[in-house]
Amino acid sequence: MIKVNQEELAQKINKLKAAAAEKAKKSEGKKSEPGAREALKKVKRAQRKLRAAKAYKSSGKKAEAKPEEKASA
């Protein structure tokens, strides 16, 4: 599994958002423009990855607490 640094992902999201805004400006606000749509997809994909990383990190903390319960059961 690839380790993901949340700060790096946040920076990547900001860069992708800037690129998406630039492409949208070039396409004169047409959302259906393929370049603009692809740029927005990249932003959403990076945001999903960040959310998943945060969820994975928090679930790991929960998983560490649960072995005590399993041992007593």
PDB file of N, CA and C in Angstrom:
ATOM      1  N   MET A   1       0.837  -1.187   0.000  1.00  0.00           N
ATOM      2  CA  MET A   1       0.000   0.000   0.000  1.00  0.00           C
ATOM      3  C   MET A   1       0.879   1.247   0.000  1.00  0.00           C
ATOM      4  N   ILE A   2       0.475   2.212  -0.736  1.00  0.00           N
ATOM      5  CA  ILE A   2       1.227   3.461  -0.838  1.00  0.00           C
ATOM      6  C   ILE A   2       0.853   4.357   0.336  1.00  0.00           C
ATOM      7  N   LYS A   3       1.866   4.838   1.041  1.00  0.00           N
ATOM      8  CA  LYS A   3       1.591   5.761   2.148  1.00  0.00           C
ATOM      9  C   LYS A   3       1.239   7.129   1.578  1.00  0.00           C
ATOM     10  N   VAL A   4       0.217   7.737   2.161  1.00  0.00           N
ATOM     11  CA  VAL A   4      -0.263   9.022   1.667  1.00  0.00           C
ATOM     12  C   VAL A   4      -0.123  10.061   2.765  1.00  0.00           C
ATOM     13  N   ASN A   5       0.553  11.141   2.445  1.00  0.00           N
ATOM     14  CA  ASN A   5       0.688  12.243   3.383  1.00  0.00           C
ATOM     15  C   ASN A   5      -0.477  13.201   3.152  1.00  0.00           C
ATOM     16  N   GLN A   6      -1.261  13.442   4.191  1.00  0.00           N
ATOM     17  CA  GLN A   6      -2.465  14.255   4.047  1.00  0.00           C
ATOM     18  C   GLN A   6      -2.145  15.691   3.662  1.00  0.00           C
ATOM     19  N   GLU A   7      -1.044  16.235   4.160  1.00  0.00           N
ATOM     20  CA  GLU A   7      -0.675  17.608   3.815  1.00  0.00           C
ATOM     21  C   GLU A   7      -0.337  17.708   2.326  1.00  0.00           C
ATOM     22  N   GLU A   8       0.397  16.688   1.824  1.00  0.00           N
ATOM     23  CA  GLU A   8       0.742  16.685   0.403  1.00  0.00           C
ATOM     24  C   GLU A   8      -0.516  16.603  -0.451  1.00  0.00           C
ATOM     25  N   LEU A   9      -1.472  15.786  -0.011  1.00  0.00           N
ATOM     26  CA  LEU A   9      -2.723  15.666  -0.758  1.00  0.00           C
ATOM     27  C   LEU A   9      -3.480  16.983  -0.770  1.00  0.00           C
ATOM     28  N   ALA A  10      -3.502  17.675   0.365  1.00  0.00           N
ATOM     29  CA  ALA A  10      -4.201  18.959   0.436  1.00  0.00           C
ATOM     30  C   ALA A  10      -3.566  19.964  -0.523  1.00  0.00           C
ATOM     31  N   GLN A  11      -2.234  19.973  -0.590  1.00  0.00           N
ATOM     32  CA  GLN A  11      -1.540  20.867  -1.517  1.00  0.00           C
ATOM     33  C   GLN A  11      -1.850  20.491  -2.960  1.00  0.00           C
ATOM     34  N   LYS A  12      -1.892  19.178  -3.221  1.00  0.00           N
ATOM     35  CA  LYS A  12      -2.194  18.706  -4.574  1.00  0.00           C
ATOM     36  C   LYS A  12      -3.602  19.129  -4.983  1.00  0.00           C
ATOM     37  N   ILE A  13      -4.548  19.047  -4.042  1.00  0.00           N
ATOM     38  CA  ILE A  13      -5.928  19.446  -4.325  1.00  0.00           C
ATOM     39  C   ILE A  13      -5.980  20.923  -4.691  1.00  0.00           C
ATOM     40  N   ASN A  14      -5.251  21.751  -3.949  1.00  0.00           N
ATOM     41  CA  ASN A  14      -5.235  23.191  -4.246  1.00  0.00           C
ATOM     42  C   ASN A  14      -4.670  23.464  -5.639  1.00  0.00           C
ATOM     43  N   LYS A  15      -3.595  22.751  -6.001  1.00  0.00           N
ATOM     44  CA  LYS A  15      -3.007  22.929  -7.330  1.00  0.00           C
ATOM     45  C   LYS A  15      -3.990  22.490  -8.411  1.00  0.00           C
ATOM     46  N   LEU A  16      -4.663  21.356  -8.167  1.00  0.00           N
ATOM     47  CA  LEU A  16      -5.619  20.857  -9.153  1.00  0.00           C
ATOM     48  C   LEU A  16      -6.802  21.802  -9.304  1.00  0.00           C
ATOM     49  N   LYS A  17      -7.240  22.390  -8.186  1.00  0.00           N
ATOM     50  CA  LYS A  17      -8.346  23.352  -8.246  1.00  0.00           C
ATOM     51  C   LYS A  17      -7.947  24.566  -9.078  1.00  0.00           C
ATOM     52  N   ALA A  18      -6.710  25.026  -8.889  1.00  0.00           N
ATOM     53  CA  ALA A  18      -6.234  26.176  -9.659  1.00  0.00           C
ATOM     54  C   ALA A  18      -6.182  25.833 -11.147  1.00  0.00           C
ATOM     55  N   ALA A  19      -5.696  24.632 -11.460  1.00  0.00           N
ATOM     56  CA  ALA A  19      -5.631  24.205 -12.856  1.00  0.00           C
ATOM     57  C   ALA A  19      -7.033  24.078 -13.442  1.00  0.00           C
ATOM     58  N   ALA A  20      -7.967  23.567 -12.651  1.00  0.00           N
ATOM     59  CA  ALA A  20      -9.346  23.416 -13.121  1.00  0.00           C
ATOM     60  C   ALA A  20      -9.973  24.778 -13.390  1.00  0.00           C
ATOM     61  N   ALA A  21      -9.710  25.736 -12.514  1.00  0.00           N
ATOM     62  CA  ALA A  21     -10.255  27.082 -12.699  1.00  0.00           C
ATOM     63  C   ALA A  21      -9.690  27.719 -13.963  1.00  0.00           C
ATOM     64  N   GLU A  22      -8.398  27.501 -14.196  1.00  0.00           N
ATOM     65  CA  GLU A  22      -7.764  28.057 -15.392  1.00  0.00           C
ATOM     66  C   GLU A  22      -8.357  27.445 -16.661  1.00  0.00           C
ATOM     67  N   LYS A  23      -8.568  26.130 -16.643  1.00  0.00           N
ATOM     68  CA  LYS A  23      -9.141  25.473 -17.819  1.00  0.00           C
ATOM     69  C   LYS A  23     -10.579  25.916 -18.035  1.00  0.00           C
ATOM     70  N   ALA A  24     -11.317  26.125 -16.947  1.00  0.00           N
ATOM     71  CA  ALA A  24     -12.703  26.588 -17.064  1.00  0.00           C
ATOM     72  C   ALA A  24     -12.736  27.992 -17.662  1.00  0.00           C
ATOM     73  N   LYS A  25     -11.753  28.814 -17.258  1.00  0.00           N
ATOM     74  CA  LYS A  25     -11.685  30.181 -17.794  1.00  0.00           C
ATOM     75  C   LYS A  25     -11.375  30.146 -19.291  1.00  0.00           C
ATOM     76  N   LYS A  26     -10.472  29.238 -19.680  1.00  0.00           N
ATOM     77  CA  LYS A  26     -10.120  29.120 -21.098  1.00  0.00           C
ATOM     78  C   LYS A  26     -11.312  28.650 -21.920  1.00  0.00           C
ATOM     79  N   SER A  27     -12.138  27.794 -21.323  1.00  0.00           N
ATOM     80  CA  SER A  27     -13.301  27.278 -22.059  1.00  0.00           C
ATOM     81  C   SER A  27     -14.502  28.194 -21.898  1.00  0.00           C
ATOM     82  N   GLU A  28     -14.273  29.385 -21.362  1.00  0.00           N
ATOM     83  CA  GLU A  28     -15.295  30.423 -21.213  1.00  0.00           C
ATOM     84  C   GLU A  28     -16.489  29.966 -20.391  1.00  0.00           C
ATOM     85  N   GLY A  29     -16.207  29.220 -19.324  1.00  0.00           N
ATOM     86  CA  GLY A  29     -17.273  28.837 -18.405  1.00  0.00           C
ATOM     87  C   GLY A  29     -18.130  27.672 -18.854  1.00  0.00           C
ATOM     88  N   LYS A  30     -17.788  27.040 -19.958  1.00  0.00           N
ATOM     89  CA  LYS A  30     -18.575  25.888 -20.420  1.00  0.00           C
ATOM     90  C   LYS A  30     -18.185  24.669 -19.597  1.00  0.00           C
ATOM     91  N   LYS A  31     -19.108  24.190 -18.784  1.00  0.00           N
ATOM     92  CA  LYS A  31     -18.798  23.030 -17.950  1.00  0.00           C
ATOM     93  C   LYS A  31     -18.653  21.768 -18.785  1.00  0.00           C
ATOM     94  N   SER A  32     -19.309  21.734 -19.929  1.00  0.00           N
ATOM     95  CA  SER A  32     -19.267  20.535 -20.757  1.00  0.00           C
ATOM     96  C   SER A  32     -17.961  20.409 -21.541  1.00  0.00           C
ATOM     97  N   GLU A  33     -17.117  21.417 -21.452  1.00  0.00           N
ATOM     98  CA  GLU A  33     -15.827  21.372 -22.143  1.00  0.00           C
ATOM     99  C   GLU A  33     -15.005  20.207 -21.583  1.00  0.00           C
ATOM    100  N   PRO A  34     -14.504  19.298 -22.435  1.00  0.00           N
ATOM    101  CA  PRO A  34     -13.803  18.103 -21.949  1.00  0.00           C
ATOM    102  C   PRO A  34     -12.626  18.402 -21.027  1.00  0.00           C
ATOM    103  N   GLY A  35     -11.828  19.408 -21.352  1.00  0.00           N
ATOM    104  CA  GLY A  35     -10.671  19.736 -20.508  1.00  0.00           C
ATOM    105  C   GLY A  35     -11.089  20.176 -19.126  1.00  0.00           C
ATOM    106  N   ALA A  36     -12.131  20.988 -19.050  1.00  0.00           N
ATOM    107  CA  ALA A  36     -12.612  21.475 -17.757  1.00  0.00           C
ATOM    108  C   ALA A  36     -13.207  20.331 -16.948  1.00  0.00           C
ATOM    109  N   ARG A  37     -13.945  19.447 -17.625  1.00  0.00           N
ATOM    110  CA  ARG A  37     -14.557  18.316 -16.924  1.00  0.00           C
ATOM    111  C   ARG A  37     -13.496  17.382 -16.364  1.00  0.00           C
ATOM    112  N   GLU A  38     -12.466  17.115 -17.154  1.00  0.00           N
ATOM    113  CA  GLU A  38     -11.388  16.240 -16.693  1.00  0.00           C
ATOM    114  C   GLU A  38     -10.663  16.853 -15.499  1.00  0.00           C
ATOM    115  N   ALA A  39     -10.452  18.150 -15.525  1.00  0.00           N
ATOM    116  CA  ALA A  39      -9.772  18.830 -14.420  1.00  0.00           C
ATOM    117  C   ALA A  39     -10.603  18.721 -13.143  1.00  0.00           C
ATOM    118  N   LEU A  40     -11.916  18.896 -13.262  1.00  0.00           N
ATOM    119  CA  LEU A  40     -12.779  18.770 -12.086  1.00  0.00           C
ATOM    120  C   LEU A  40     -12.790  17.340 -11.568  1.00  0.00           C
ATOM    121  N   LYS A  41     -12.727  16.369 -12.470  1.00  0.00           N
ATOM    122  CA  LYS A  41     -12.680  14.967 -12.054  1.00  0.00           C
ATOM    123  C   LYS A  41     -11.419  14.699 -11.242  1.00  0.00           C
ATOM    124  N   LYS A  42     -10.294  15.288 -11.668  1.00  0.00           N
ATOM    125  CA  LYS A  42      -9.038  15.102 -10.940  1.00  0.00           C
ATOM    126  C   LYS A  42      -9.138  15.679  -9.535  1.00  0.00           C
ATOM    127  N   VAL A  43      -9.785  16.835  -9.401  1.00  0.00           N
ATOM    128  CA  VAL A  43      -9.960  17.461  -8.088  1.00  0.00           C
ATOM    129  C   VAL A  43     -10.792  16.547  -7.203  1.00  0.00           C
ATOM    130  N   LYS A  44     -11.908  16.071  -7.720  1.00  0.00           N
ATOM    131  CA  LYS A  44     -12.794  15.217  -6.928  1.00  0.00           C
ATOM    132  C   LYS A  44     -12.104  13.921  -6.534  1.00  0.00           C
ATOM    133  N   ARG A  45     -11.310  13.357  -7.440  1.00  0.00           N
ATOM    134  CA  ARG A  45     -10.590  12.121  -7.151  1.00  0.00           C
ATOM    135  C   ARG A  45      -9.603  12.335  -6.010  1.00  0.00           C
ATOM    136  N   ALA A  46      -8.875  13.447  -6.044  1.00  0.00           N
ATOM    137  CA  ALA A  46      -7.908  13.752  -4.987  1.00  0.00           C
ATOM    138  C   ALA A  46      -8.624  13.991  -3.661  1.00  0.00           C
ATOM    139  N   GLN A  47      -9.787  14.643  -3.692  1.00  0.00           N
ATOM    140  CA  GLN A  47     -10.543  14.875  -2.462  1.00  0.00           C
ATOM    141  C   GLN A  47     -11.033  13.557  -1.872  1.00  0.00           C
ATOM    142  N   ARG A  48     -11.480  12.635  -2.732  1.00  0.00           N
ATOM    143  CA  ARG A  48     -11.913  11.320  -2.247  1.00  0.00           C
ATOM    144  C   ARG A  48     -10.755  10.586  -1.601  1.00  0.00           C
ATOM    145  N   LYS A  49      -9.582  10.685  -2.216  1.00  0.00           N
ATOM    146  CA  LYS A  49      -8.398  10.012  -1.690  1.00  0.00           C
ATOM    147  C   LYS A  49      -8.035  10.573  -0.315  1.00  0.00           C
ATOM    148  N   LEU A  50      -8.152  11.900  -0.161  1.00  0.00           N
ATOM    149  CA  LEU A  50      -7.855  12.535   1.118  1.00  0.00           C
ATOM    150  C   LEU A  50      -8.850  12.080   2.182  1.00  0.00           C
ATOM    151  N   ARG A  51     -10.147  12.050   1.833  1.00  0.00           N
ATOM    152  CA  ARG A  51     -11.168  11.591   2.778  1.00  0.00           C
ATOM    153  C   ARG A  51     -10.922  10.143   3.177  1.00  0.00           C
ATOM    154  N   ALA A  52     -10.553   9.310   2.203  1.00  0.00           N
ATOM    155  CA  ALA A  52     -10.290   7.900   2.476  1.00  0.00           C
ATOM    156  C   ALA A  52      -9.082   7.754   3.395  1.00  0.00           C
ATOM    157  N   ALA A  53      -8.060   8.567   3.175  1.00  0.00           N
ATOM    158  CA  ALA A  53      -6.864   8.508   4.019  1.00  0.00           C
ATOM    159  C   ALA A  53      -7.200   8.899   5.450  1.00  0.00           C
ATOM    160  N   LYS A  54      -8.029   9.931   5.602  1.00  0.00           N
ATOM    161  CA  LYS A  54      -8.433  10.355   6.944  1.00  0.00           C
ATOM    162  C   LYS A  54      -9.261   9.272   7.613  1.00  0.00           C
ATOM    163  N   ALA A  55     -10.178   8.654   6.878  1.00  0.00           N
ATOM    164  CA  ALA A  55     -11.024   7.596   7.428  1.00  0.00           C
ATOM    165  C   ALA A  55     -10.173   6.392   7.807  1.00  0.00           C
ATOM    166  N   TYR A  56      -9.203   6.050   6.973  1.00  0.00           N
ATOM    167  CA  TYR A  56      -8.328   4.917   7.246  1.00  0.00           C
ATOM    168  C   TYR A  56      -7.510   5.173   8.503  1.00  0.00           C
ATOM    169  N   LYS A  57      -7.018   6.397   8.633  1.00  0.00           N
ATOM    170  CA  LYS A  57      -6.211   6.747   9.799  1.00  0.00           C
ATOM    171  C   LYS A  57      -7.042   6.664  11.071  1.00  0.00           C
ATOM    172  N   SER A  58      -8.272   7.187  11.037  1.00  0.00           N
ATOM    173  CA  SER A  58      -9.114   7.162  12.232  1.00  0.00           C
ATOM    174  C   SER A  58      -9.591   5.744  12.522  1.00  0.00           C
ATOM    175  N   SER A  59      -9.815   4.922  11.498  1.00  0.00           N
ATOM    176  CA  SER A  59     -10.256   3.547  11.732  1.00  0.00           C
ATOM    177  C   SER A  59      -9.122   2.733  12.339  1.00  0.00           C
ATOM    178  N   GLY A  60      -7.886   3.084  12.014  1.00  0.00           N
ATOM    179  CA  GLY A  60      -6.738   2.402  12.606  1.00  0.00           C
ATOM    180  C   GLY A  60      -6.675   2.627  14.101  1.00  0.00           C
ATOM    181  N   LYS A  61      -7.016   3.826  14.540  1.00  0.00           N
ATOM    182  CA  LYS A  61      -7.032   4.125  15.968  1.00  0.00           C
ATOM    183  C   LYS A  61      -8.127   3.328  16.658  1.00  0.00           C
ATOM    184  N   LYS A  62      -9.286   3.205  15.988  1.00  0.00           N
ATOM    185  CA  LYS A  62     -10.387   2.431  16.555  1.00  0.00           C
ATOM    186  C   LYS A  62     -10.014   0.958  16.615  1.00  0.00           C
ATOM    187  N   ALA A  63      -9.315   0.472  15.593  1.00  0.00           N
ATOM    188  CA  ALA A  63      -8.932  -0.931  15.538  1.00  0.00           C
ATOM    189  C   ALA A  63      -7.945  -1.268  16.649  1.00  0.00           C
ATOM    190  N   GLU A  64      -7.095  -0.318  17.013  1.00  0.00           N
ATOM    191  CA  GLU A  64      -6.148  -0.558  18.095  1.00  0.00           C
ATOM    192  C   GLU A  64      -6.860  -0.680  19.430  1.00  0.00           C
ATOM    193  N   ALA A  65      -7.957   0.008  19.600  1.00  0.00           N
ATOM    194  CA  ALA A  65      -8.696  -0.023  20.858  1.00  0.00           C
ATOM    195  C   ALA A  65      -9.552  -1.282  20.969  1.00  0.00           C
ATOM    196  N   LYS A  66      -9.964  -1.848  19.860  1.00  0.00           N
ATOM    197  CA  LYS A  66     -10.874  -2.989  19.880  1.00  0.00           C
ATOM    198  C   LYS A  66     -10.247  -4.317  20.312  1.00  0.00           C
ATOM    199  N   PRO A  67      -8.967  -4.604  20.106  1.00  0.00           N
ATOM    200  CA  PRO A  67      -8.444  -5.916  20.519  1.00  0.00           C
ATOM    201  C   PRO A  67      -8.683  -6.232  21.989  1.00  0.00           C
ATOM    202  N   GLU A  68      -8.755  -5.224  22.834  1.00  0.00           N
ATOM    203  CA  GLU A  68      -9.028  -5.465  24.250  1.00  0.00           C
ATOM    204  C   GLU A  68     -10.410  -6.079  24.421  1.00  0.00           C
ATOM    205  N   GLU A  69     -11.369  -5.574  23.649  1.00  0.00           N
ATOM    206  CA  GLU A  69     -12.729  -6.089  23.729  1.00  0.00           C
ATOM    207  C   GLU A  69     -12.785  -7.521  23.215  1.00  0.00           C
ATOM    208  N   LYS A  70     -12.069  -7.815  22.143  1.00  0.00           N
ATOM    209  CA  LYS A  70     -12.078  -9.157  21.568  1.00  0.00           C
ATOM    210  C   LYS A  70     -11.413 -10.159  22.506  1.00  0.00           C
ATOM    211  N   ALA A  71     -10.389  -9.739  23.210  1.00  0.00           N
ATOM    212  CA  ALA A  71      -9.678 -10.627  24.118  1.00  0.00           C
ATOM    213  C   ALA A  71     -10.575 -11.046  25.279  1.00  0.00           C
ATOM    214  N   SER A  72     -11.413 -10.154  25.750  1.00  0.00           N
ATOM    215  CA  SER A  72     -12.284 -10.471  26.878  1.00  0.00           C
ATOM    216  C   SER A  72     -13.504 -11.275  26.435  1.00  0.00           C
ATOM    217  N   ALA A  73     -13.841 -11.228  25.158  1.00  0.00           N
ATOM    218  CA  ALA A  73     -15.045 -11.919  24.676  1.00  0.00           C
ATOM    219  C   ALA A  73     -14.824 -13.360  24.408  1.00  0.00           C
TER     220      ALA A  73
END
